[in-house]
């Protein structure tokens, strides 16, 4: 077992974990943060996207011990005091979610894009979404929601 110390959604955790425990499993099964979804477990679908030290990563490709000392934000950490973020509200307005399985990963990836690019073009948003699999939509409403927040 390895001791890790990490901050998740503003809360410090000190835990003993197995060396091969995936960060996605740590978040879901140890911390109960089930908004981080696991789809492919190969880093392809994007459903497990979280933010680690300010950068969007696929939590199924990162071992929990690699997150030792890191600041992690999951989809549960987006809302402040129970209030939705403008991005979450735009997803609601544009009906940019269907079953919701992919939505947490897409929100986290969109947050990452918007943190790096204040006003991405629709093409840049679509390019970011190419790493996020959604079986329910044609992505248009998702692009519209992100573009609205970006002011595009």
N, C-alpha and C. Protein backbone atom coordinates (compact mmCIF):
# COMPACT_ATOMS: atom_id res chain seq x y z
N UNK A 1 0.84 -1.19 0.00
CA UNK A 1 0.00 0.00 0.00
C UNK A 1 0.88 1.25 0.00
N UNK A 2 0.36 2.28 -0.63
CA UNK A 2 1.07 3.56 -0.73
C UNK A 2 0.18 4.64 -0.15
N UNK A 3 0.76 5.50 0.66
CA UNK A 3 -0.01 6.61 1.20
C UNK A 3 0.02 7.77 0.21
N UNK A 4 -1.17 8.29 -0.10
CA UNK A 4 -1.24 9.47 -0.95
C UNK A 4 -2.00 10.56 -0.21
N UNK A 5 -1.69 11.76 -0.59
CA UNK A 5 -2.34 12.95 -0.03
C UNK A 5 -2.71 13.81 -1.23
N UNK A 6 -4.00 14.03 -1.40
CA UNK A 6 -4.46 14.80 -2.54
C UNK A 6 -5.68 15.64 -2.15
N UNK A 7 -5.85 16.72 -2.82
CA UNK A 7 -7.01 17.58 -2.59
C UNK A 7 -7.99 17.36 -3.74
N UNK A 8 -9.22 16.98 -3.39
CA UNK A 8 -10.25 16.74 -4.39
C UNK A 8 -11.42 17.66 -4.10
N UNK A 9 -11.74 18.48 -5.07
CA UNK A 9 -12.85 19.44 -4.94
C UNK A 9 -12.72 20.28 -3.67
N UNK A 10 -11.48 20.66 -3.37
CA UNK A 10 -11.22 21.53 -2.23
C UNK A 10 -11.07 20.84 -0.89
N UNK A 11 -11.20 19.52 -0.87
CA UNK A 11 -11.10 18.77 0.39
C UNK A 11 -9.85 17.90 0.36
N UNK A 12 -9.07 17.93 1.42
CA UNK A 12 -7.85 17.14 1.51
C UNK A 12 -8.17 15.71 1.91
N UNK A 13 -7.57 14.77 1.21
CA UNK A 13 -7.71 13.34 1.52
C UNK A 13 -6.32 12.76 1.72
N UNK A 14 -6.18 11.95 2.75
CA UNK A 14 -4.97 11.16 2.98
C UNK A 14 -5.43 9.72 3.04
N UNK A 15 -4.99 8.92 2.08
CA UNK A 15 -5.49 7.56 1.92
C UNK A 15 -4.35 6.59 1.63
N UNK A 16 -4.54 5.36 2.05
CA UNK A 16 -3.65 4.28 1.65
C UNK A 16 -4.29 3.60 0.45
N UNK A 17 -3.52 3.47 -0.63
CA UNK A 17 -4.05 2.87 -1.85
C UNK A 17 -3.09 1.83 -2.39
N UNK A 18 -3.63 0.93 -3.18
CA UNK A 18 -2.78 -0.03 -3.87
C UNK A 18 -2.02 0.69 -4.98
N UNK A 19 -0.81 0.31 -5.27
CA UNK A 19 -0.02 1.00 -6.28
C UNK A 19 -0.66 1.04 -7.67
N UNK A 20 -1.49 0.03 -7.99
CA UNK A 20 -2.09 -0.05 -9.32
C UNK A 20 -3.52 0.47 -9.38
N UNK A 21 -3.99 1.13 -8.33
CA UNK A 21 -5.35 1.66 -8.32
C UNK A 21 -5.46 2.84 -9.27
N UNK A 22 -6.41 2.76 -10.19
CA UNK A 22 -6.63 3.85 -11.13
C UNK A 22 -7.24 5.04 -10.42
N UNK A 23 -6.91 6.23 -10.88
CA UNK A 23 -7.48 7.43 -10.29
C UNK A 23 -9.00 7.41 -10.43
N UNK A 24 -9.52 6.94 -11.54
CA UNK A 24 -10.98 6.87 -11.73
C UNK A 24 -11.61 5.98 -10.66
N UNK A 25 -11.00 4.86 -10.35
CA UNK A 25 -11.53 3.97 -9.32
C UNK A 25 -11.39 4.58 -7.93
N UNK A 26 -10.30 5.27 -7.69
CA UNK A 26 -10.12 5.97 -6.42
C UNK A 26 -11.23 6.99 -6.21
N UNK A 27 -11.50 7.79 -7.24
CA UNK A 27 -12.52 8.83 -7.12
C UNK A 27 -13.90 8.22 -6.93
N UNK A 28 -14.22 7.20 -7.70
CA UNK A 28 -15.56 6.61 -7.66
C UNK A 28 -15.78 5.74 -6.42
N UNK A 29 -14.85 4.81 -6.18
CA UNK A 29 -15.09 3.78 -5.17
C UNK A 29 -14.57 4.15 -3.77
N UNK A 30 -13.50 4.92 -3.70
CA UNK A 30 -12.98 5.31 -2.39
C UNK A 30 -13.62 6.60 -1.88
N UNK A 31 -13.81 7.56 -2.81
CA UNK A 31 -14.33 8.86 -2.39
C UNK A 31 -15.82 9.02 -2.67
N UNK A 32 -16.40 8.10 -3.43
CA UNK A 32 -17.84 8.16 -3.71
C UNK A 32 -18.23 9.23 -4.71
N UNK A 33 -17.28 9.71 -5.50
CA UNK A 33 -17.55 10.74 -6.51
C UNK A 33 -17.89 10.05 -7.84
N UNK A 34 -19.13 9.63 -7.94
CA UNK A 34 -19.54 8.80 -9.07
C UNK A 34 -19.87 9.59 -10.33
N UNK A 35 -19.69 10.90 -10.30
CA UNK A 35 -19.86 11.70 -11.51
C UNK A 35 -18.76 11.44 -12.52
N UNK A 36 -17.63 10.95 -12.05
CA UNK A 36 -16.55 10.56 -12.95
C UNK A 36 -16.90 9.18 -13.50
N UNK A 37 -17.33 9.15 -14.74
CA UNK A 37 -17.79 7.89 -15.32
C UNK A 37 -16.65 7.14 -15.99
N UNK A 38 -16.79 5.84 -16.03
CA UNK A 38 -15.78 4.98 -16.65
C UNK A 38 -16.46 4.26 -17.81
N UNK A 39 -15.97 4.52 -19.00
CA UNK A 39 -16.55 3.90 -20.18
C UNK A 39 -15.64 2.84 -20.76
N UNK A 40 -14.56 3.28 -21.37
CA UNK A 40 -13.70 2.36 -22.13
C UNK A 40 -12.52 1.83 -21.33
N UNK A 41 -12.11 2.55 -20.30
CA UNK A 41 -10.91 2.22 -19.51
C UNK A 41 -9.64 2.17 -20.34
N UNK A 42 -9.64 2.88 -21.47
CA UNK A 42 -8.47 2.95 -22.35
C UNK A 42 -8.13 4.39 -22.73
N UNK A 43 -8.84 5.37 -22.14
CA UNK A 43 -8.57 6.77 -22.44
C UNK A 43 -9.15 7.25 -23.75
N UNK A 44 -10.04 6.50 -24.34
CA UNK A 44 -10.57 6.84 -25.65
C UNK A 44 -11.88 7.63 -25.56
N UNK A 45 -12.75 7.29 -24.63
CA UNK A 45 -14.11 7.85 -24.64
C UNK A 45 -14.23 9.20 -23.97
N UNK A 46 -13.37 9.52 -23.03
CA UNK A 46 -13.41 10.81 -22.36
C UNK A 46 -14.37 10.92 -21.19
N UNK A 47 -15.13 9.86 -20.91
CA UNK A 47 -16.13 9.93 -19.84
C UNK A 47 -15.50 10.14 -18.46
N UNK A 48 -14.25 9.78 -18.30
CA UNK A 48 -13.59 9.87 -17.00
C UNK A 48 -12.74 11.13 -16.85
N UNK A 49 -12.94 12.11 -17.72
CA UNK A 49 -12.12 13.31 -17.69
C UNK A 49 -12.33 14.10 -16.40
N UNK A 50 -11.22 14.42 -15.75
CA UNK A 50 -11.20 15.26 -14.55
C UNK A 50 -10.07 16.26 -14.73
N UNK A 51 -9.98 17.20 -13.82
CA UNK A 51 -8.91 18.18 -13.86
C UNK A 51 -7.89 17.84 -12.78
N UNK A 52 -6.64 17.74 -13.18
CA UNK A 52 -5.55 17.50 -12.23
C UNK A 52 -4.56 18.64 -12.39
N UNK A 53 -4.38 19.38 -11.31
CA UNK A 53 -3.50 20.55 -11.32
C UNK A 53 -3.79 21.47 -12.50
N UNK A 54 -5.07 21.69 -12.75
CA UNK A 54 -5.49 22.65 -13.76
C UNK A 54 -5.53 22.16 -15.18
N UNK A 55 -5.31 20.86 -15.39
CA UNK A 55 -5.28 20.31 -16.75
C UNK A 55 -6.24 19.12 -16.83
N UNK A 56 -7.02 19.07 -17.90
CA UNK A 56 -7.94 17.94 -18.10
C UNK A 56 -7.14 16.68 -18.41
N UNK A 57 -7.45 15.61 -17.69
CA UNK A 57 -6.79 14.32 -17.91
C UNK A 57 -7.84 13.21 -17.89
N UNK A 58 -7.49 12.09 -18.47
CA UNK A 58 -8.33 10.90 -18.43
C UNK A 58 -7.96 10.14 -17.17
N UNK A 59 -8.87 10.11 -16.21
CA UNK A 59 -8.54 9.50 -14.92
C UNK A 59 -8.39 7.99 -15.00
N UNK A 60 -8.82 7.36 -16.10
CA UNK A 60 -8.61 5.92 -16.25
C UNK A 60 -7.19 5.60 -16.71
N UNK A 61 -6.44 6.62 -17.08
CA UNK A 61 -5.06 6.42 -17.53
C UNK A 61 -4.04 6.85 -16.49
N UNK A 62 -4.52 7.32 -15.36
CA UNK A 62 -3.63 7.81 -14.31
C UNK A 62 -3.82 6.94 -13.08
N UNK A 63 -2.73 6.54 -12.48
CA UNK A 63 -2.80 5.79 -11.23
C UNK A 63 -3.00 6.75 -10.08
N UNK A 64 -3.76 6.33 -9.09
CA UNK A 64 -4.01 7.18 -7.92
C UNK A 64 -2.71 7.67 -7.27
N UNK A 65 -1.68 6.82 -7.12
CA UNK A 65 -0.43 7.32 -6.53
C UNK A 65 0.23 8.43 -7.34
N UNK A 66 -0.04 8.49 -8.65
CA UNK A 66 0.50 9.57 -9.47
C UNK A 66 -0.15 10.92 -9.14
N UNK A 67 -1.29 10.88 -8.49
CA UNK A 67 -2.00 12.10 -8.11
C UNK A 67 -1.60 12.58 -6.72
N UNK A 68 -0.61 11.94 -6.12
CA UNK A 68 -0.15 12.35 -4.79
C UNK A 68 0.29 13.81 -4.86
N UNK A 69 -0.25 14.63 -3.99
CA UNK A 69 0.09 16.05 -3.93
C UNK A 69 -0.67 16.92 -4.92
N UNK A 70 -1.52 16.31 -5.72
CA UNK A 70 -2.23 17.05 -6.76
C UNK A 70 -3.52 17.67 -6.26
N UNK A 71 -3.95 18.65 -6.99
CA UNK A 71 -5.25 19.30 -6.79
C UNK A 71 -6.16 18.77 -7.90
N UNK A 72 -7.23 18.09 -7.51
CA UNK A 72 -8.13 17.45 -8.47
C UNK A 72 -9.51 18.10 -8.38
N UNK A 73 -10.11 18.32 -9.54
CA UNK A 73 -11.48 18.80 -9.60
C UNK A 73 -12.26 17.81 -10.45
N UNK A 74 -13.38 17.34 -9.90
CA UNK A 74 -14.29 16.45 -10.64
C UNK A 74 -15.54 17.25 -10.97
N UNK A 75 -16.44 16.65 -11.71
CA UNK A 75 -17.68 17.35 -12.07
C UNK A 75 -18.45 17.78 -10.83
N UNK A 76 -18.34 17.03 -9.74
CA UNK A 76 -19.02 17.42 -8.51
C UNK A 76 -18.46 18.72 -7.94
N UNK A 77 -17.23 19.06 -8.30
CA UNK A 77 -16.59 20.26 -7.79
C UNK A 77 -16.85 21.51 -8.62
N UNK A 78 -17.63 21.39 -9.69
CA UNK A 78 -17.89 22.55 -10.53
C UNK A 78 -18.85 23.54 -9.87
N UNK A 79 -19.94 23.05 -9.34
CA UNK A 79 -20.94 23.92 -8.73
C UNK A 79 -20.40 24.51 -7.43
N UNK A 80 -20.64 25.79 -7.24
CA UNK A 80 -20.20 26.47 -6.03
C UNK A 80 -21.44 26.73 -5.17
N UNK A 81 -21.42 26.24 -3.96
CA UNK A 81 -22.56 26.40 -3.04
C UNK A 81 -23.87 25.91 -3.65
N UNK A 82 -23.79 24.85 -4.44
CA UNK A 82 -24.98 24.26 -5.04
C UNK A 82 -25.51 24.98 -6.26
N UNK A 83 -24.84 26.04 -6.68
CA UNK A 83 -25.27 26.78 -7.87
C UNK A 83 -24.54 26.27 -9.10
N UNK A 84 -25.28 26.05 -10.16
CA UNK A 84 -24.68 25.59 -11.41
C UNK A 84 -23.78 26.67 -11.99
N UNK A 85 -22.77 26.24 -12.72
CA UNK A 85 -21.89 27.18 -13.41
C UNK A 85 -22.58 27.64 -14.69
N UNK A 86 -22.12 28.74 -15.28
CA UNK A 86 -22.68 29.17 -16.57
C UNK A 86 -22.59 28.06 -17.63
N UNK A 87 -21.52 27.27 -17.60
CA UNK A 87 -21.38 26.18 -18.57
C UNK A 87 -22.47 25.13 -18.35
N UNK A 88 -22.71 24.75 -17.11
CA UNK A 88 -23.76 23.78 -16.82
C UNK A 88 -25.13 24.33 -17.21
N UNK A 89 -25.36 25.60 -16.94
CA UNK A 89 -26.64 26.22 -17.29
C UNK A 89 -26.83 26.26 -18.81
N UNK A 90 -25.75 26.53 -19.54
CA UNK A 90 -25.84 26.56 -21.00
C UNK A 90 -26.14 25.15 -21.55
N UNK A 91 -25.56 24.13 -20.94
CA UNK A 91 -25.87 22.76 -21.35
C UNK A 91 -27.37 22.49 -21.16
N UNK A 92 -27.90 22.96 -20.07
CA UNK A 92 -29.32 22.77 -19.79
C UNK A 92 -30.18 23.51 -20.82
N UNK A 93 -29.85 24.78 -21.06
CA UNK A 93 -30.62 25.60 -22.00
C UNK A 93 -30.61 25.03 -23.42
N UNK A 94 -29.45 24.51 -23.84
CA UNK A 94 -29.31 24.01 -25.21
C UNK A 94 -29.64 22.52 -25.34
N UNK A 95 -30.11 21.91 -24.27
CA UNK A 95 -30.41 20.47 -24.28
C UNK A 95 -29.18 19.69 -24.77
N UNK A 96 -28.03 20.05 -24.21
CA UNK A 96 -26.76 19.48 -24.63
C UNK A 96 -26.42 18.19 -23.88
N UNK A 97 -27.41 17.58 -23.27
CA UNK A 97 -27.19 16.30 -22.64
C UNK A 97 -28.40 15.43 -22.89
N UNK A 98 -28.15 14.19 -23.09
CA UNK A 98 -29.24 13.26 -23.33
C UNK A 98 -29.28 12.28 -22.15
N UNK A 99 -28.58 11.16 -22.26
CA UNK A 99 -28.58 10.21 -21.15
C UNK A 99 -27.71 10.71 -20.00
N UNK A 100 -26.73 11.56 -20.30
CA UNK A 100 -25.88 12.15 -19.28
C UNK A 100 -24.60 11.40 -18.97
N UNK A 101 -24.40 10.24 -19.58
CA UNK A 101 -23.20 9.46 -19.26
C UNK A 101 -21.93 10.22 -19.64
N UNK A 102 -21.91 10.82 -20.81
CA UNK A 102 -20.71 11.51 -21.28
C UNK A 102 -20.59 12.93 -20.74
N UNK A 103 -21.70 13.47 -20.25
CA UNK A 103 -21.75 14.89 -19.89
C UNK A 103 -20.69 15.33 -18.89
N UNK A 104 -20.43 14.60 -17.80
CA UNK A 104 -19.39 15.06 -16.88
C UNK A 104 -18.02 15.22 -17.55
N UNK A 105 -17.64 14.25 -18.36
CA UNK A 105 -16.36 14.34 -19.05
C UNK A 105 -16.31 15.49 -20.03
N UNK A 106 -17.42 15.71 -20.73
CA UNK A 106 -17.47 16.82 -21.68
C UNK A 106 -17.42 18.15 -20.95
N UNK A 107 -18.13 18.27 -19.84
CA UNK A 107 -18.06 19.51 -19.06
C UNK A 107 -16.64 19.79 -18.60
N UNK A 108 -15.94 18.76 -18.14
CA UNK A 108 -14.57 18.96 -17.66
C UNK A 108 -13.63 19.33 -18.81
N UNK A 109 -13.81 18.69 -19.96
CA UNK A 109 -12.98 19.00 -21.12
C UNK A 109 -13.28 20.42 -21.63
N UNK A 110 -14.56 20.80 -21.62
CA UNK A 110 -14.94 22.14 -22.05
C UNK A 110 -14.38 23.19 -21.10
N UNK A 111 -14.44 22.90 -19.82
CA UNK A 111 -13.87 23.82 -18.82
C UNK A 111 -12.38 24.02 -19.09
N UNK A 112 -11.69 22.93 -19.41
CA UNK A 112 -10.26 23.01 -19.71
C UNK A 112 -10.03 23.88 -20.95
N UNK A 113 -10.80 23.64 -22.00
CA UNK A 113 -10.67 24.43 -23.23
C UNK A 113 -10.89 25.91 -22.93
N UNK A 114 -11.96 26.22 -22.20
CA UNK A 114 -12.29 27.62 -21.91
C UNK A 114 -11.27 28.28 -20.98
N UNK A 115 -10.56 27.48 -20.19
CA UNK A 115 -9.52 28.05 -19.33
C UNK A 115 -8.28 28.43 -20.14
N UNK A 116 -8.09 27.75 -21.27
CA UNK A 116 -6.93 28.03 -22.12
C UNK A 116 -7.23 29.00 -23.25
N UNK A 117 -8.49 29.01 -23.69
CA UNK A 117 -8.90 29.80 -24.84
C UNK A 117 -10.21 30.49 -24.47
N UNK A 118 -10.16 31.80 -24.23
CA UNK A 118 -11.34 32.52 -23.76
C UNK A 118 -12.49 32.50 -24.76
N UNK A 119 -12.18 32.57 -26.03
CA UNK A 119 -13.23 32.61 -27.05
C UNK A 119 -12.89 31.66 -28.20
N UNK A 120 -12.95 30.36 -27.95
CA UNK A 120 -12.62 29.41 -29.02
C UNK A 120 -13.65 29.47 -30.15
N UNK A 121 -13.18 29.27 -31.35
CA UNK A 121 -14.08 29.19 -32.51
C UNK A 121 -14.83 27.86 -32.44
N UNK A 122 -15.95 27.80 -33.13
CA UNK A 122 -16.74 26.56 -33.15
C UNK A 122 -15.90 25.38 -33.61
N UNK A 123 -14.97 25.62 -34.52
CA UNK A 123 -14.09 24.54 -35.01
C UNK A 123 -13.19 24.03 -33.89
N UNK A 124 -12.71 24.94 -33.04
CA UNK A 124 -11.87 24.53 -31.91
C UNK A 124 -12.69 23.73 -30.89
N UNK A 125 -13.93 24.13 -30.69
CA UNK A 125 -14.81 23.40 -29.78
C UNK A 125 -15.06 22.01 -30.33
N UNK A 126 -15.35 21.92 -31.62
CA UNK A 126 -15.58 20.62 -32.26
C UNK A 126 -14.34 19.75 -32.18
N UNK A 127 -13.17 20.36 -32.34
CA UNK A 127 -11.92 19.60 -32.25
C UNK A 127 -11.75 19.02 -30.84
N UNK A 128 -12.04 19.83 -29.82
CA UNK A 128 -11.96 19.34 -28.44
C UNK A 128 -12.92 18.17 -28.24
N UNK A 129 -14.11 18.28 -28.81
CA UNK A 129 -15.12 17.24 -28.66
C UNK A 129 -14.76 15.96 -29.40
N UNK A 130 -13.81 16.01 -30.30
CA UNK A 130 -13.42 14.80 -31.02
C UNK A 130 -12.82 13.75 -30.08
N UNK A 131 -12.43 14.17 -28.89
CA UNK A 131 -11.91 13.24 -27.90
C UNK A 131 -12.94 12.83 -26.87
N UNK A 132 -14.20 13.16 -27.12
CA UNK A 132 -15.28 12.84 -26.19
C UNK A 132 -16.37 12.09 -26.95
N UNK A 133 -16.59 10.86 -26.60
CA UNK A 133 -17.61 10.07 -27.30
C UNK A 133 -18.98 10.25 -26.65
N UNK A 134 -19.96 10.52 -27.48
CA UNK A 134 -21.35 10.64 -27.05
C UNK A 134 -22.19 9.86 -28.04
N UNK A 135 -22.97 8.92 -27.56
CA UNK A 135 -23.78 8.09 -28.44
C UNK A 135 -25.18 8.65 -28.65
N UNK A 136 -25.55 9.70 -27.91
CA UNK A 136 -26.93 10.18 -27.94
C UNK A 136 -27.17 11.40 -28.81
N UNK A 137 -26.13 12.18 -29.10
CA UNK A 137 -26.36 13.44 -29.80
C UNK A 137 -25.51 13.54 -31.05
N UNK A 138 -25.77 14.57 -31.80
CA UNK A 138 -24.94 14.89 -32.96
C UNK A 138 -23.93 15.96 -32.62
N UNK A 139 -23.76 16.25 -31.36
CA UNK A 139 -22.79 17.21 -30.82
C UNK A 139 -23.15 18.67 -31.07
N UNK A 140 -24.09 18.96 -31.96
CA UNK A 140 -24.40 20.35 -32.30
C UNK A 140 -24.85 21.14 -31.08
N UNK A 141 -25.73 20.57 -30.28
CA UNK A 141 -26.21 21.29 -29.10
C UNK A 141 -25.10 21.48 -28.07
N UNK A 142 -24.18 20.55 -28.03
CA UNK A 142 -23.04 20.67 -27.11
C UNK A 142 -22.13 21.82 -27.56
N UNK A 143 -21.86 21.87 -28.86
CA UNK A 143 -21.05 22.97 -29.41
C UNK A 143 -21.75 24.29 -29.17
N UNK A 144 -23.07 24.33 -29.38
CA UNK A 144 -23.82 25.56 -29.16
C UNK A 144 -23.71 26.04 -27.71
N UNK A 145 -23.81 25.12 -26.77
CA UNK A 145 -23.73 25.48 -25.34
C UNK A 145 -22.35 26.04 -24.99
N UNK A 146 -21.33 25.37 -25.44
CA UNK A 146 -19.96 25.82 -25.15
C UNK A 146 -19.69 27.16 -25.84
N UNK A 147 -20.15 27.29 -27.08
CA UNK A 147 -19.96 28.54 -27.83
C UNK A 147 -20.67 29.70 -27.14
N UNK A 148 -21.84 29.43 -26.58
CA UNK A 148 -22.57 30.49 -25.85
C UNK A 148 -21.74 31.00 -24.68
N UNK A 149 -21.18 30.09 -23.91
CA UNK A 149 -20.38 30.49 -22.76
C UNK A 149 -19.12 31.22 -23.20
N UNK A 150 -18.58 30.82 -24.32
CA UNK A 150 -17.38 31.46 -24.83
C UNK A 150 -17.69 32.80 -25.49
N UNK A 151 -18.97 33.09 -25.66
CA UNK A 151 -19.35 34.33 -26.30
C UNK A 151 -19.21 34.31 -27.80
N UNK A 152 -19.10 33.10 -28.35
CA UNK A 152 -18.92 32.97 -29.80
C UNK A 152 -20.25 33.11 -30.52
